[in-house]
Amino acid sequence: MNTNTYNEPSFSLQNRLLRTFWNIVYVLFFKYSPRPFHFWRSFLLRSFNAKIGKGVHIYPKVIIWAPWNLEIADEVGVGNGAILYSQDKIKIGYRAIISQGTHVCTGTHDYEKKRASINY
């Protein structure tokens, strides 16, 4: 993350390119995958360095900003329409449920703050 957000982008070029690649994969392979294909979506997230536990159910219309900032424990459910705005680490604990329409955000407008992690 860039510390000079007045004159430069907040995120590195590498980060922005990786997010662009993730968004392409998301639209082509994640968002329209069949609802029961939780294993497939977990595989895609792991391919982008997300830490995904066993028995995780992430539904196809979940919006994920940066999968590499996700750590999801075993048997977690994330419902359609949830937004995981993972500008920084999001940790979701064992058997937690993130319901439809929930917005989990680790972004901040405080440009001097070093980390904005949230643990669930």
N, C-alpha and C. Protein backbone atom coordinates (compact mmCIF):
# COMPACT_ATOMS: atom_id res chain seq x y z
N MET A 1 0.84 -1.17 0.00
CA MET A 1 0.00 0.00 0.00
C MET A 1 0.89 1.24 0.00
N ASN A 2 0.49 2.22 -0.75
CA ASN A 2 1.24 3.46 -0.86
C ASN A 2 0.94 4.36 0.33
N THR A 3 1.96 5.02 0.86
CA THR A 3 1.75 5.94 1.98
C THR A 3 1.56 7.37 1.52
N ASN A 4 1.86 7.69 0.27
CA ASN A 4 1.68 9.03 -0.27
C ASN A 4 0.40 9.05 -1.10
N THR A 5 -0.76 9.01 -0.43
CA THR A 5 -2.03 8.92 -1.16
C THR A 5 -2.51 10.27 -1.68
N TYR A 6 -1.82 11.33 -1.34
CA TYR A 6 -2.18 12.63 -1.91
C TYR A 6 -1.78 12.72 -3.38
N ASN A 7 -0.61 12.21 -3.72
CA ASN A 7 -0.06 12.37 -5.06
C ASN A 7 0.00 11.09 -5.88
N GLU A 8 -0.20 9.94 -5.25
CA GLU A 8 -0.06 8.66 -5.95
C GLU A 8 -1.24 7.76 -5.61
N PRO A 9 -1.45 6.71 -6.41
CA PRO A 9 -2.53 5.76 -6.10
C PRO A 9 -2.31 5.09 -4.74
N SER A 10 -3.41 4.69 -4.11
CA SER A 10 -3.33 4.04 -2.79
C SER A 10 -2.70 2.66 -2.86
N PHE A 11 -2.86 1.98 -4.01
CA PHE A 11 -2.37 0.62 -4.15
C PHE A 11 -1.37 0.54 -5.29
N SER A 12 -0.45 -0.38 -5.16
CA SER A 12 0.62 -0.54 -6.15
C SER A 12 0.04 -0.99 -7.50
N LEU A 13 0.83 -0.83 -8.53
CA LEU A 13 0.44 -1.29 -9.86
C LEU A 13 0.22 -2.80 -9.84
N GLN A 14 1.09 -3.53 -9.16
CA GLN A 14 0.96 -4.98 -9.06
C GLN A 14 -0.39 -5.36 -8.43
N ASN A 15 -0.76 -4.67 -7.35
CA ASN A 15 -2.03 -4.92 -6.68
C ASN A 15 -3.19 -4.64 -7.63
N ARG A 16 -3.14 -3.54 -8.33
CA ARG A 16 -4.23 -3.18 -9.25
C ARG A 16 -4.33 -4.16 -10.42
N LEU A 17 -3.20 -4.63 -10.94
CA LEU A 17 -3.22 -5.61 -12.02
C LEU A 17 -3.76 -6.95 -11.53
N LEU A 18 -3.38 -7.36 -10.34
CA LEU A 18 -3.87 -8.62 -9.77
C LEU A 18 -5.38 -8.55 -9.54
N ARG A 19 -5.86 -7.40 -9.04
CA ARG A 19 -7.31 -7.24 -8.85
C ARG A 19 -8.05 -7.26 -10.19
N THR A 20 -7.45 -6.70 -11.22
CA THR A 20 -8.06 -6.75 -12.55
C THR A 20 -8.16 -8.20 -13.03
N PHE A 21 -7.08 -8.96 -12.86
CA PHE A 21 -7.09 -10.37 -13.24
C PHE A 21 -8.14 -11.13 -12.42
N TRP A 22 -8.21 -10.87 -11.11
CA TRP A 22 -9.21 -11.51 -10.26
C TRP A 22 -10.62 -11.18 -10.76
N ASN A 23 -10.89 -9.93 -11.12
CA ASN A 23 -12.22 -9.55 -11.58
C ASN A 23 -12.61 -10.27 -12.86
N ILE A 24 -11.66 -10.51 -13.74
CA ILE A 24 -11.93 -11.27 -14.96
C ILE A 24 -12.30 -12.71 -14.60
N VAL A 25 -11.49 -13.33 -13.72
CA VAL A 25 -11.76 -14.70 -13.27
C VAL A 25 -13.10 -14.75 -12.54
N TYR A 26 -13.37 -13.75 -11.71
CA TYR A 26 -14.63 -13.68 -10.96
C TYR A 26 -15.83 -13.71 -11.92
N VAL A 27 -15.82 -12.85 -12.93
CA VAL A 27 -16.95 -12.77 -13.85
C VAL A 27 -17.07 -14.03 -14.69
N LEU A 28 -15.97 -14.55 -15.18
CA LEU A 28 -16.03 -15.70 -16.08
C LEU A 28 -16.27 -17.03 -15.38
N PHE A 29 -15.72 -17.22 -14.18
CA PHE A 29 -15.72 -18.54 -13.55
C PHE A 29 -16.37 -18.63 -12.17
N PHE A 30 -16.51 -17.53 -11.48
CA PHE A 30 -17.01 -17.55 -10.10
C PHE A 30 -18.48 -17.14 -10.04
N LYS A 31 -18.78 -15.96 -10.51
CA LYS A 31 -20.10 -15.34 -10.35
C LYS A 31 -21.24 -16.16 -10.95
N TYR A 32 -21.00 -16.84 -12.06
CA TYR A 32 -22.06 -17.58 -12.73
C TYR A 32 -21.92 -19.09 -12.58
N SER A 33 -21.09 -19.52 -11.63
CA SER A 33 -20.96 -20.95 -11.38
C SER A 33 -22.24 -21.45 -10.69
N PRO A 34 -22.59 -22.73 -10.88
CA PRO A 34 -23.80 -23.27 -10.25
C PRO A 34 -23.73 -23.17 -8.72
N ARG A 35 -24.86 -22.89 -8.10
CA ARG A 35 -24.93 -22.69 -6.64
C ARG A 35 -24.26 -23.80 -5.82
N PRO A 36 -24.45 -25.09 -6.17
CA PRO A 36 -23.85 -26.13 -5.33
C PRO A 36 -22.34 -26.30 -5.50
N PHE A 37 -21.70 -25.56 -6.40
CA PHE A 37 -20.27 -25.74 -6.68
C PHE A 37 -19.39 -24.97 -5.70
N HIS A 38 -19.61 -25.17 -4.42
CA HIS A 38 -18.82 -24.48 -3.39
C HIS A 38 -17.34 -24.86 -3.49
N PHE A 39 -17.08 -26.12 -3.81
CA PHE A 39 -15.69 -26.59 -3.93
C PHE A 39 -14.97 -25.83 -5.04
N TRP A 40 -15.67 -25.54 -6.14
CA TRP A 40 -15.08 -24.82 -7.27
C TRP A 40 -14.72 -23.40 -6.88
N ARG A 41 -15.63 -22.71 -6.21
CA ARG A 41 -15.36 -21.33 -5.79
C ARG A 41 -14.25 -21.29 -4.74
N SER A 42 -14.22 -22.27 -3.85
CA SER A 42 -13.12 -22.35 -2.88
C SER A 42 -11.79 -22.56 -3.60
N PHE A 43 -11.79 -23.40 -4.61
CA PHE A 43 -10.58 -23.63 -5.41
C PHE A 43 -10.11 -22.33 -6.07
N LEU A 44 -11.03 -21.60 -6.68
CA LEU A 44 -10.67 -20.33 -7.32
C LEU A 44 -10.07 -19.35 -6.31
N LEU A 45 -10.70 -19.26 -5.14
CA LEU A 45 -10.18 -18.35 -4.11
C LEU A 45 -8.80 -18.78 -3.63
N ARG A 46 -8.62 -20.08 -3.43
CA ARG A 46 -7.29 -20.58 -3.03
C ARG A 46 -6.25 -20.30 -4.11
N SER A 47 -6.67 -20.32 -5.36
CA SER A 47 -5.75 -20.01 -6.47
C SER A 47 -5.23 -18.58 -6.39
N PHE A 48 -5.97 -17.73 -5.70
CA PHE A 48 -5.55 -16.34 -5.49
C PHE A 48 -5.07 -16.13 -4.05
N ASN A 49 -4.59 -17.21 -3.43
CA ASN A 49 -3.96 -17.19 -2.10
C ASN A 49 -4.90 -16.90 -0.94
N ALA A 50 -6.19 -17.11 -1.12
CA ALA A 50 -7.10 -17.05 0.03
C ALA A 50 -6.88 -18.30 0.87
N LYS A 51 -7.02 -18.16 2.17
CA LYS A 51 -6.94 -19.32 3.07
C LYS A 51 -8.38 -19.74 3.37
N ILE A 52 -8.79 -20.86 2.77
CA ILE A 52 -10.17 -21.33 2.85
C ILE A 52 -10.19 -22.68 3.55
N GLY A 53 -10.98 -22.80 4.61
CA GLY A 53 -11.08 -24.04 5.36
C GLY A 53 -11.93 -25.08 4.66
N LYS A 54 -12.19 -26.17 5.38
CA LYS A 54 -12.99 -27.28 4.85
C LYS A 54 -14.47 -26.98 5.05
N GLY A 55 -15.28 -27.45 4.12
CA GLY A 55 -16.72 -27.33 4.25
C GLY A 55 -17.23 -25.90 4.16
N VAL A 56 -16.50 -25.04 3.50
CA VAL A 56 -16.89 -23.64 3.35
C VAL A 56 -17.89 -23.52 2.21
N HIS A 57 -18.97 -22.77 2.44
CA HIS A 57 -19.98 -22.53 1.42
C HIS A 57 -19.99 -21.04 1.09
N ILE A 58 -19.36 -20.71 -0.03
CA ILE A 58 -19.38 -19.35 -0.53
C ILE A 58 -20.24 -19.38 -1.78
N TYR A 59 -21.29 -18.58 -1.78
CA TYR A 59 -22.24 -18.59 -2.88
C TYR A 59 -21.76 -17.72 -4.04
N PRO A 60 -22.31 -17.96 -5.25
CA PRO A 60 -21.73 -17.34 -6.45
C PRO A 60 -21.83 -15.83 -6.54
N LYS A 61 -22.79 -15.21 -5.90
CA LYS A 61 -22.95 -13.76 -6.04
C LYS A 61 -22.27 -12.98 -4.91
N VAL A 62 -21.38 -13.63 -4.17
CA VAL A 62 -20.58 -12.93 -3.16
C VAL A 62 -19.54 -12.09 -3.89
N ILE A 63 -19.42 -10.83 -3.51
CA ILE A 63 -18.45 -9.95 -4.13
C ILE A 63 -17.21 -9.90 -3.25
N ILE A 64 -16.06 -10.19 -3.84
CA ILE A 64 -14.80 -10.25 -3.09
C ILE A 64 -13.80 -9.33 -3.77
N TRP A 65 -13.29 -8.37 -3.02
CA TRP A 65 -12.38 -7.36 -3.56
C TRP A 65 -10.99 -7.93 -3.82
N ALA A 66 -10.41 -8.60 -2.83
CA ALA A 66 -9.05 -9.15 -2.96
C ALA A 66 -8.99 -10.48 -2.21
N PRO A 67 -9.10 -11.61 -2.91
CA PRO A 67 -9.13 -12.91 -2.23
C PRO A 67 -7.90 -13.20 -1.38
N TRP A 68 -6.75 -12.67 -1.75
CA TRP A 68 -5.52 -12.93 -1.00
C TRP A 68 -5.57 -12.33 0.40
N ASN A 69 -6.55 -11.51 0.70
CA ASN A 69 -6.72 -10.95 2.04
C ASN A 69 -7.79 -11.67 2.85
N LEU A 70 -8.23 -12.83 2.38
CA LEU A 70 -9.26 -13.60 3.09
C LEU A 70 -8.67 -14.78 3.83
N GLU A 71 -9.13 -14.97 5.05
CA GLU A 71 -8.83 -16.18 5.82
C GLU A 71 -10.16 -16.65 6.40
N ILE A 72 -10.63 -17.78 5.88
CA ILE A 72 -11.94 -18.29 6.26
C ILE A 72 -11.78 -19.67 6.86
N ALA A 73 -12.25 -19.84 8.09
CA ALA A 73 -12.11 -21.10 8.82
C ALA A 73 -13.11 -22.14 8.30
N ASP A 74 -13.07 -23.33 8.87
CA ASP A 74 -13.93 -24.44 8.47
C ASP A 74 -15.41 -24.13 8.69
N GLU A 75 -16.23 -24.69 7.79
CA GLU A 75 -17.69 -24.71 7.89
C GLU A 75 -18.32 -23.32 7.96
N VAL A 76 -17.76 -22.38 7.24
CA VAL A 76 -18.29 -21.02 7.17
C VAL A 76 -19.24 -20.92 5.99
N GLY A 77 -20.28 -20.11 6.14
CA GLY A 77 -21.20 -19.83 5.05
C GLY A 77 -21.21 -18.34 4.74
N VAL A 78 -21.09 -18.02 3.45
CA VAL A 78 -21.17 -16.62 3.02
C VAL A 78 -22.26 -16.55 1.96
N GLY A 79 -23.36 -15.85 2.27
CA GLY A 79 -24.54 -15.83 1.42
C GLY A 79 -24.43 -14.93 0.21
N ASN A 80 -25.25 -15.24 -0.80
CA ASN A 80 -25.34 -14.42 -2.00
C ASN A 80 -25.56 -12.96 -1.64
N GLY A 81 -24.89 -12.07 -2.35
CA GLY A 81 -25.08 -10.65 -2.11
C GLY A 81 -24.22 -10.08 -1.01
N ALA A 82 -23.47 -10.92 -0.30
CA ALA A 82 -22.53 -10.40 0.70
C ALA A 82 -21.35 -9.77 -0.02
N ILE A 83 -20.79 -8.75 0.60
CA ILE A 83 -19.62 -8.08 0.03
C ILE A 83 -18.47 -8.21 1.02
N LEU A 84 -17.36 -8.78 0.58
CA LEU A 84 -16.16 -8.88 1.39
C LEU A 84 -15.15 -7.89 0.79
N TYR A 85 -15.19 -6.66 1.28
CA TYR A 85 -14.36 -5.57 0.75
C TYR A 85 -13.02 -5.64 1.47
N SER A 86 -12.19 -6.54 1.00
CA SER A 86 -10.97 -6.96 1.70
C SER A 86 -9.74 -6.16 1.27
N GLN A 87 -9.76 -4.87 1.52
CA GLN A 87 -8.56 -4.07 1.25
C GLN A 87 -7.43 -4.48 2.18
N ASP A 88 -7.79 -5.00 3.33
CA ASP A 88 -6.83 -5.56 4.29
C ASP A 88 -7.40 -6.91 4.71
N LYS A 89 -6.75 -7.58 5.64
CA LYS A 89 -7.13 -8.94 6.04
C LYS A 89 -8.53 -8.98 6.64
N ILE A 90 -9.29 -9.99 6.21
CA ILE A 90 -10.56 -10.35 6.84
C ILE A 90 -10.41 -11.79 7.30
N LYS A 91 -10.64 -12.03 8.59
CA LYS A 91 -10.60 -13.38 9.14
C LYS A 91 -12.00 -13.72 9.63
N ILE A 92 -12.54 -14.81 9.09
CA ILE A 92 -13.87 -15.27 9.48
C ILE A 92 -13.69 -16.59 10.20
N GLY A 93 -14.18 -16.66 11.43
CA GLY A 93 -13.95 -17.82 12.29
C GLY A 93 -14.86 -19.00 12.03
N TYR A 94 -14.54 -20.09 12.68
CA TYR A 94 -15.20 -21.38 12.56
C TYR A 94 -16.72 -21.26 12.68
N ARG A 95 -17.41 -21.82 11.70
CA ARG A 95 -18.87 -21.90 11.62
C ARG A 95 -19.58 -20.54 11.64
N ALA A 96 -18.90 -19.49 11.28
CA ALA A 96 -19.56 -18.18 11.18
C ALA A 96 -20.43 -18.15 9.93
N ILE A 97 -21.44 -17.31 9.97
CA ILE A 97 -22.31 -17.11 8.82
C ILE A 97 -22.33 -15.62 8.50
N ILE A 98 -21.99 -15.31 7.26
CA ILE A 98 -22.08 -13.94 6.76
C ILE A 98 -23.32 -13.94 5.86
N SER A 99 -24.38 -13.30 6.31
CA SER A 99 -25.66 -13.37 5.61
C SER A 99 -25.72 -12.52 4.36
N GLN A 100 -26.75 -12.78 3.56
CA GLN A 100 -26.99 -12.03 2.33
C GLN A 100 -27.07 -10.54 2.65
N GLY A 101 -26.44 -9.74 1.80
CA GLY A 101 -26.52 -8.30 1.95
C GLY A 101 -25.55 -7.71 2.97
N THR A 102 -24.78 -8.55 3.64
CA THR A 102 -23.80 -8.05 4.62
C THR A 102 -22.61 -7.45 3.90
N HIS A 103 -22.12 -6.34 4.42
CA HIS A 103 -20.94 -5.67 3.83
C HIS A 103 -19.84 -5.67 4.90
N VAL A 104 -18.81 -6.47 4.68
CA VAL A 104 -17.66 -6.52 5.58
C VAL A 104 -16.55 -5.71 4.92
N CYS A 105 -16.07 -4.69 5.62
CA CYS A 105 -15.14 -3.74 5.00
C CYS A 105 -13.91 -3.55 5.89
N THR A 106 -12.73 -3.73 5.30
CA THR A 106 -11.49 -3.42 6.01
C THR A 106 -10.79 -2.23 5.37
N GLY A 107 -11.52 -1.48 4.58
CA GLY A 107 -10.97 -0.25 4.00
C GLY A 107 -11.14 0.89 4.98
N THR A 108 -10.40 1.93 4.77
CA THR A 108 -10.48 3.10 5.64
C THR A 108 -10.19 4.35 4.84
N HIS A 109 -10.70 5.47 5.30
CA HIS A 109 -10.36 6.76 4.70
C HIS A 109 -9.26 7.45 5.49
N ASP A 110 -8.82 6.80 6.56
CA ASP A 110 -7.73 7.35 7.38
C ASP A 110 -6.41 6.97 6.71
N TYR A 111 -5.86 7.86 5.92
CA TYR A 111 -4.66 7.56 5.15
C TYR A 111 -3.42 7.39 6.02
N GLU A 112 -3.50 7.75 7.31
CA GLU A 112 -2.35 7.57 8.20
C GLU A 112 -2.41 6.25 8.96
N LYS A 113 -3.54 5.58 8.92
CA LYS A 113 -3.71 4.31 9.63
C LYS A 113 -2.96 3.21 8.88
N LYS A 114 -2.19 2.42 9.59
CA LYS A 114 -1.36 1.39 8.96
C LYS A 114 -2.17 0.13 8.61
N ARG A 115 -3.05 -0.34 9.49
CA ARG A 115 -3.81 -1.55 9.25
C ARG A 115 -5.24 -1.36 9.74
N ALA A 116 -6.16 -1.98 9.02
CA ALA A 116 -7.57 -1.87 9.36
C ALA A 116 -8.22 -3.25 9.37
N SER A 117 -7.59 -4.23 10.00
CA SER A 117 -8.09 -5.60 9.99
C SER A 117 -9.36 -5.75 10.80
N ILE A 118 -10.18 -6.69 10.36
CA ILE A 118 -11.40 -7.07 11.10
C ILE A 118 -11.38 -8.57 11.27
N ASN A 119 -11.67 -9.04 12.46
CA ASN A 119 -11.77 -10.47 12.72
C ASN A 119 -13.21 -10.78 13.08
N TYR A 120 -13.76 -11.83 12.45
CA TYR A 120 -15.12 -12.28 12.78
C TYR A 120 -15.06 -13.66 13.33
